[in-house]
Amino acid sequence: AMVNECLADPNLGLGVLYHRLVLDLID
């Protein structure tokens, strides 16, 4: 759902997906 949300919304895109993924990896 996170991946699809970021890919579907041009205001989010790969940049926000990358940021969220890095935060999850840091956790």
PDB file of all heavy atoms in Angstrom:
ATOM      1  N   ALA A   1       0.840  -1.204   0.000  1.00  0.00           N
ATOM      2  CA  ALA A   1       0.000   0.000   0.000  1.00  0.00           C
ATOM      3  C   ALA A   1       0.873   1.252   0.000  1.00  0.00           C
ATOM      4  O   ALA A   1       0.575   2.226  -0.698  1.00  0.00           O
ATOM      5  CB  ALA A   1      -0.937  -0.002   1.206  1.00  0.00           C
ATOM      6  N   MET A   2       1.965   1.225   0.770  1.00  0.00           N
ATOM      7  CA  MET A   2       2.888   2.360   0.801  1.00  0.00           C
ATOM      8  C   MET A   2       3.522   2.557  -0.577  1.00  0.00           C
ATOM      9  O   MET A   2       3.617   3.678  -1.079  1.00  0.00           O
ATOM     10  CB  MET A   2       3.972   2.138   1.859  1.00  0.00           C
ATOM     11  CG  MET A   2       5.035   3.225   1.894  1.00  0.00           C
ATOM     12  SD  MET A   2       6.351   2.931   3.102  1.00  0.00           S
ATOM     13  CE  MET A   2       7.280   1.611   2.305  1.00  0.00           C
ATOM     14  N   VAL A   3       3.964   1.453  -1.177  1.00  0.00           N
ATOM     15  CA  VAL A   3       4.601   1.532  -2.501  1.00  0.00           C
ATOM     16  C   VAL A   3       3.617   2.098  -3.514  1.00  0.00           C
ATOM     17  O   VAL A   3       3.932   3.048  -4.245  1.00  0.00           O
ATOM     18  CB  VAL A   3       5.103   0.140  -2.950  1.00  0.00           C
ATOM     19  CG1 VAL A   3       5.628   0.197  -4.379  1.00  0.00           C
ATOM     20  CG2 VAL A   3       6.174  -0.363  -2.004  1.00  0.00           C
ATOM     21  N   ASN A   4       2.423   1.538  -3.548  1.00  0.00           N
ATOM     22  CA  ASN A   4       1.417   1.981  -4.526  1.00  0.00           C
ATOM     23  C   ASN A   4       0.989   3.418  -4.300  1.00  0.00           C
ATOM     24  O   ASN A   4       0.770   4.167  -5.255  1.00  0.00           O
ATOM     25  CB  ASN A   4       0.216   1.038  -4.512  1.00  0.00           C
ATOM     26  CG  ASN A   4       0.585  -0.336  -5.018  1.00  0.00           C
ATOM     27  OD1 ASN A   4       1.425  -0.479  -5.916  1.00  0.00           O
ATOM     28  ND2 ASN A   4      -0.029  -1.370  -4.448  1.00  0.00           N
ATOM     29  N   GLU A   5       0.872   3.822  -3.036  1.00  0.00           N
ATOM     30  CA  GLU A   5       0.507   5.208  -2.727  1.00  0.00           C
ATOM     31  C   GLU A   5       1.547   6.174  -3.278  1.00  0.00           C
ATOM     32  O   GLU A   5       1.211   7.171  -3.915  1.00  0.00           O
ATOM     33  CB  GLU A   5       0.376   5.396  -1.211  1.00  0.00           C
ATOM     34  CG  GLU A   5       0.141   6.841  -0.800  1.00  0.00           C
ATOM     35  CD  GLU A   5       0.312   7.075   0.694  1.00  0.00           C
ATOM     36  OE1 GLU A   5       0.953   6.256   1.386  1.00  0.00           O
ATOM     37  OE2 GLU A   5      -0.200   8.112   1.159  1.00  0.00           O
ATOM     38  N   CYS A   6       2.814   5.860  -3.033  1.00  0.00           N
ATOM     39  CA  CYS A   6       3.882   6.750  -3.488  1.00  0.00           C
ATOM     40  C   CYS A   6       3.977   6.790  -5.012  1.00  0.00           C
ATOM     41  O   CYS A   6       4.221   7.854  -5.597  1.00  0.00           O
ATOM     42  CB  CYS A   6       5.220   6.325  -2.889  1.00  0.00           C
ATOM     43  SG  CYS A   6       5.343   6.661  -1.121  1.00  0.00           S
ATOM     44  N   LEU A   7       3.793   5.649  -5.651  1.00  0.00           N
ATOM     45  CA  LEU A   7       3.888   5.607  -7.109  1.00  0.00           C
ATOM     46  C   LEU A   7       2.689   6.269  -7.779  1.00  0.00           C
ATOM     47  O   LEU A   7       2.819   6.844  -8.864  1.00  0.00           O
ATOM     48  CB  LEU A   7       4.029   4.166  -7.593  1.00  0.00           C
ATOM     49  CG  LEU A   7       5.319   3.457  -7.183  1.00  0.00           C
ATOM     50  CD1 LEU A   7       5.320   2.028  -7.691  1.00  0.00           C
ATOM     51  CD2 LEU A   7       6.545   4.203  -7.676  1.00  0.00           C
ATOM     52  N   ALA A   8       1.532   6.219  -7.150  1.00  0.00           N
ATOM     53  CA  ALA A   8       0.318   6.785  -7.735  1.00  0.00           C
ATOM     54  C   ALA A   8       0.224   8.295  -7.557  1.00  0.00           C
ATOM     55  O   ALA A   8      -0.425   8.981  -8.346  1.00  0.00           O
ATOM     56  CB  ALA A   8      -0.914   6.119  -7.131  1.00  0.00           C
ATOM     57  N   ASP A   9       0.864   8.823  -6.535  1.00  0.00           N
ATOM     58  CA  ASP A   9       0.760  10.253  -6.231  1.00  0.00           C
ATOM     59  C   ASP A   9       2.039  10.965  -6.670  1.00  0.00           C
ATOM     60  O   ASP A   9       3.097  10.780  -6.068  1.00  0.00           O
ATOM     61  CB  ASP A   9       0.541  10.444  -4.729  1.00  0.00           C
ATOM     62  CG  ASP A   9       0.279  11.887  -4.344  1.00  0.00           C
ATOM     63  OD1 ASP A   9       0.567  12.801  -5.150  1.00  0.00           O
ATOM     64  OD2 ASP A   9      -0.201  12.109  -3.215  1.00  0.00           O
ATOM     65  N   PRO A  10       1.960  11.813  -7.697  1.00  0.00           N
ATOM     66  CA  PRO A  10       3.160  12.508  -8.173  1.00  0.00           C
ATOM     67  C   PRO A  10       3.783  13.441  -7.122  1.00  0.00           C
ATOM     68  O   PRO A  10       4.970  13.755  -7.195  1.00  0.00           O
ATOM     69  CB  PRO A  10       2.693  13.297  -9.396  1.00  0.00           C
ATOM     70  CG  PRO A  10       1.231  13.106  -9.508  1.00  0.00           C
ATOM     71  CD  PRO A  10       0.786  12.120  -8.480  1.00  0.00           C
ATOM     72  N   ASN A  11       2.996  13.846  -6.131  1.00  0.00           N
ATOM     73  CA  ASN A  11       3.540  14.680  -5.063  1.00  0.00           C
ATOM     74  C   ASN A  11       4.423  13.879  -4.113  1.00  0.00           C
ATOM     75  O   ASN A  11       5.202  14.451  -3.364  1.00  0.00           O
ATOM     76  CB  ASN A  11       2.419  15.352  -4.275  1.00  0.00           C
ATOM     77  CG  ASN A  11       1.682  16.375  -5.113  1.00  0.00           C
ATOM     78  OD1 ASN A  11       2.291  17.090  -5.910  1.00  0.00           O
ATOM     79  ND2 ASN A  11       0.371  16.429  -4.967  1.00  0.00           N
ATOM     80  N   LEU A  12       4.254  12.562  -4.106  1.00  0.00           N
ATOM     81  CA  LEU A  12       5.066  11.696  -3.255  1.00  0.00           C
ATOM     82  C   LEU A  12       6.199  11.097  -4.088  1.00  0.00           C
ATOM     83  O   LEU A  12       7.353  11.411  -3.881  1.00  0.00           O
ATOM     84  CB  LEU A  12       4.199  10.599  -2.623  1.00  0.00           C
ATOM     85  CG  LEU A  12       3.043  11.059  -1.744  1.00  0.00           C
ATOM     86  CD1 LEU A  12       2.225   9.870  -1.266  1.00  0.00           C
ATOM     87  CD2 LEU A  12       3.547  11.880  -0.571  1.00  0.00           C
ATOM     88  N   GLY A  13       5.861  10.200  -4.969  1.00  0.00           N
ATOM     89  CA  GLY A  13       6.825   9.624  -5.898  1.00  0.00           C
ATOM     90  C   GLY A  13       7.894   8.773  -5.234  1.00  0.00           C
ATOM     91  O   GLY A  13       7.799   8.368  -4.078  1.00  0.00           O
ATOM     92  N   LEU A  14       8.939   8.517  -6.003  1.00  0.00           N
ATOM     93  CA  LEU A  14      10.033   7.669  -5.541  1.00  0.00           C
ATOM     94  C   LEU A  14      10.829   8.309  -4.414  1.00  0.00           C
ATOM     95  O   LEU A  14      11.389   7.609  -3.573  1.00  0.00           O
ATOM     96  CB  LEU A  14      10.962   7.323  -6.706  1.00  0.00           C
ATOM     97  CG  LEU A  14      10.374   6.410  -7.774  1.00  0.00           C
ATOM     98  CD1 LEU A  14      11.341   6.256  -8.935  1.00  0.00           C
ATOM     99  CD2 LEU A  14      10.001   5.062  -7.197  1.00  0.00           C
ATOM    100  N   GLY A  15      10.861   9.637  -4.368  1.00  0.00           N
ATOM    101  CA  GLY A  15      11.603  10.321  -3.308  1.00  0.00           C
ATOM    102  C   GLY A  15      11.047  10.027  -1.928  1.00  0.00           C
ATOM    103  O   GLY A  15      11.786   9.716  -0.991  1.00  0.00           O
ATOM    104  N   VAL A  16       9.744  10.111  -1.786  1.00  0.00           N
ATOM    105  CA  VAL A  16       9.106   9.830  -0.499  1.00  0.00           C
ATOM    106  C   VAL A  16       9.205   8.339  -0.188  1.00  0.00           C
ATOM    107  O   VAL A  16       9.447   7.945   0.956  1.00  0.00           O
ATOM    108  CB  VAL A  16       7.636  10.321  -0.485  1.00  0.00           C
ATOM    109  CG1 VAL A  16       6.898   9.824   0.743  1.00  0.00           C
ATOM    110  CG2 VAL A  16       7.608  11.843  -0.556  1.00  0.00           C
ATOM    111  N   LEU A  17       9.048   7.506  -1.208  1.00  0.00           N
ATOM    112  CA  LEU A  17       9.175   6.063  -1.000  1.00  0.00           C
ATOM    113  C   LEU A  17      10.583   5.724  -0.495  1.00  0.00           C
ATOM    114  O   LEU A  17      10.750   4.950   0.444  1.00  0.00           O
ATOM    115  CB  LEU A  17       8.866   5.303  -2.281  1.00  0.00           C
ATOM    116  CG  LEU A  17       8.911   3.781  -2.183  1.00  0.00           C
ATOM    117  CD1 LEU A  17       7.930   3.268  -1.125  1.00  0.00           C
ATOM    118  CD2 LEU A  17       8.619   3.160  -3.537  1.00  0.00           C
ATOM    119  N   TYR A  18      11.584   6.327  -1.097  1.00  0.00           N
ATOM    120  CA  TYR A  18      12.974   6.126  -0.657  1.00  0.00           C
ATOM    121  C   TYR A  18      13.148   6.552   0.798  1.00  0.00           C
ATOM    122  O   TYR A  18      13.729   5.831   1.608  1.00  0.00           O
ATOM    123  CB  TYR A  18      13.918   6.924  -1.564  1.00  0.00           C
ATOM    124  CG  TYR A  18      15.348   6.941  -1.106  1.00  0.00           C
ATOM    125  CD1 TYR A  18      16.197   5.879  -1.398  1.00  0.00           C
ATOM    126  CD2 TYR A  18      15.867   8.013  -0.391  1.00  0.00           C
ATOM    127  CE1 TYR A  18      17.513   5.885  -0.987  1.00  0.00           C
ATOM    128  CE2 TYR A  18      17.171   8.024   0.029  1.00  0.00           C
ATOM    129  CZ  TYR A  18      17.999   6.962  -0.276  1.00  0.00           C
ATOM    130  OH  TYR A  18      19.307   6.976   0.145  1.00  0.00           O
ATOM    131  N   HIS A  19      12.643   7.720   1.128  1.00  0.00           N
ATOM    132  CA  HIS A  19      12.759   8.246   2.493  1.00  0.00           C
ATOM    133  C   HIS A  19      12.100   7.304   3.504  1.00  0.00           C
ATOM    134  O   HIS A  19      12.691   6.983   4.540  1.00  0.00           O
ATOM    135  CB  HIS A  19      12.137   9.634   2.561  1.00  0.00           C
ATOM    136  CG  HIS A  19      12.164  10.240   3.924  1.00  0.00           C
ATOM    137  ND1 HIS A  19      13.318  10.727   4.489  1.00  0.00           N
ATOM    138  CD2 HIS A  19      11.178  10.411   4.841  1.00  0.00           C
ATOM    139  CE1 HIS A  19      13.043  11.176   5.703  1.00  0.00           C
ATOM    140  NE2 HIS A  19      11.762  11.000   5.945  1.00  0.00           N
ATOM    141  N   ARG A  20      10.899   6.856   3.195  1.00  0.00           N
ATOM    142  CA  ARG A  20      10.188   5.943   4.101  1.00  0.00           C
ATOM    143  C   ARG A  20      10.930   4.610   4.236  1.00  0.00           C
ATOM    144  O   ARG A  20      11.015   4.044   5.323  1.00  0.00           O
ATOM    145  CB  ARG A  20       8.770   5.695   3.599  1.00  0.00           C
ATOM    146  CG  ARG A  20       7.871   6.908   3.718  1.00  0.00           C
ATOM    147  CD  ARG A  20       6.508   6.627   3.141  1.00  0.00           C
ATOM    148  NE  ARG A  20       5.639   7.787   3.236  1.00  0.00           N
ATOM    149  CZ  ARG A  20       4.403   7.818   2.743  1.00  0.00           C
ATOM    150  NH1 ARG A  20       3.895   6.759   2.144  1.00  0.00           N
ATOM    151  NH2 ARG A  20       3.672   8.904   2.861  1.00  0.00           N
ATOM    152  N   LEU A  21      11.472   4.125   3.131  1.00  0.00           N
ATOM    153  CA  LEU A  21      12.200   2.862   3.153  1.00  0.00           C
ATOM    154  C   LEU A  21      13.465   2.979   3.999  1.00  0.00           C
ATOM    155  O   LEU A  21      13.778   2.093   4.796  1.00  0.00           O
ATOM    156  CB  LEU A  21      12.545   2.420   1.731  1.00  0.00           C
ATOM    157  CG  LEU A  21      13.296   1.110   1.581  1.00  0.00           C
ATOM    158  CD1 LEU A  21      12.543  -0.046   2.232  1.00  0.00           C
ATOM    159  CD2 LEU A  21      13.557   0.829   0.110  1.00  0.00           C
ATOM    160  N   VAL A  22      14.180   4.076   3.855  1.00  0.00           N
ATOM    161  CA  VAL A  22      15.384   4.285   4.665  1.00  0.00           C
ATOM    162  C   VAL A  22      15.025   4.320   6.147  1.00  0.00           C
ATOM    163  O   VAL A  22      15.717   3.713   6.972  1.00  0.00           O
ATOM    164  CB  VAL A  22      16.138   5.570   4.227  1.00  0.00           C
ATOM    165  CG1 VAL A  22      17.192   5.965   5.239  1.00  0.00           C
ATOM    166  CG2 VAL A  22      16.771   5.366   2.856  1.00  0.00           C
ATOM    167  N   LEU A  23      13.946   4.999   6.498  1.00  0.00           N
ATOM    168  CA  LEU A  23      13.528   5.047   7.910  1.00  0.00           C
ATOM    169  C   LEU A  23      13.193   3.657   8.432  1.00  0.00           C
ATOM    170  O   LEU A  23      13.562   3.300   9.555  1.00  0.00           O
ATOM    171  CB  LEU A  23      12.334   5.985   8.084  1.00  0.00           C
ATOM    172  CG  LEU A  23      12.607   7.472   7.861  1.00  0.00           C
ATOM    173  CD1 LEU A  23      11.319   8.276   8.010  1.00  0.00           C
ATOM    174  CD2 LEU A  23      13.680   7.987   8.801  1.00  0.00           C
ATOM    175  N   ASP A  24      12.506   2.856   7.614  1.00  0.00           N
ATOM    176  CA  ASP A  24      12.183   1.484   8.022  1.00  0.00           C
ATOM    177  C   ASP A  24      13.451   0.654   8.186  1.00  0.00           C
ATOM    178  O   ASP A  24      13.571  -0.144   9.121  1.00  0.00           O
ATOM    179  CB  ASP A  24      11.255   0.819   7.008  1.00  0.00           C
ATOM    180  CG  ASP A  24       9.814   1.303   7.117  1.00  0.00           C
ATOM    181  OD1 ASP A  24       9.457   1.888   8.153  1.00  0.00           O
ATOM    182  OD2 ASP A  24       9.051   1.078   6.158  1.00  0.00           O
ATOM    183  N   LEU A  25      14.409   0.834   7.295  1.00  0.00           N
ATOM    184  CA  LEU A  25      15.672   0.094   7.406  1.00  0.00           C
ATOM    185  C   LEU A  25      16.455   0.521   8.645  1.00  0.00           C
ATOM    186  O   LEU A  25      17.053  -0.319   9.322  1.00  0.00           O
ATOM    187  CB  LEU A  25      16.525   0.292   6.151  1.00  0.00           C
ATOM    188  CG  LEU A  25      16.081  -0.500   4.927  1.00  0.00           C
ATOM    189  CD1 LEU A  25      16.844  -0.030   3.690  1.00  0.00           C
ATOM    190  CD2 LEU A  25      16.281  -1.985   5.145  1.00  0.00           C
ATOM    191  N   ILE A  26      16.436   1.804   8.952  1.00  0.00           N
ATOM    192  CA  ILE A  26      17.111   2.286  10.162  1.00  0.00           C
ATOM    193  C   ILE A  26      16.482   1.647  11.397  1.00  0.00           C
ATOM    194  O   ILE A  26      17.187   1.231  12.315  1.00  0.00           O
ATOM    195  CB  ILE A  26      17.082   3.828  10.239  1.00  0.00           C
ATOM    196  CG1 ILE A  26      18.017   4.415   9.180  1.00  0.00           C
ATOM    197  CG2 ILE A  26      17.459   4.322  11.637  1.00  0.00           C
ATOM    198  CD1 ILE A  26      17.904   5.918   9.015  1.00  0.00           C
ATOM    199  N   ASP A  27      15.160   1.534  11.406  1.00  0.00           N
ATOM    200  CA  ASP A  27      14.487   0.860  12.525  1.00  0.00           C
ATOM    201  C   ASP A  27      14.967  -0.583  12.656  1.00  0.00           C
ATOM    202  O   ASP A  27      15.203  -1.076  13.758  1.00  0.00           O
ATOM    203  CB  ASP A  27      12.968   0.883  12.345  1.00  0.00           C
ATOM    204  CG  ASP A  27      12.360   2.241  12.614  1.00  0.00           C
ATOM    205  OD1 ASP A  27      13.042   3.099  13.215  1.00  0.00           O
ATOM    206  OD2 ASP A  27      11.193   2.453  12.220  1.00  0.00           O
TER     207      ASP A  27
END
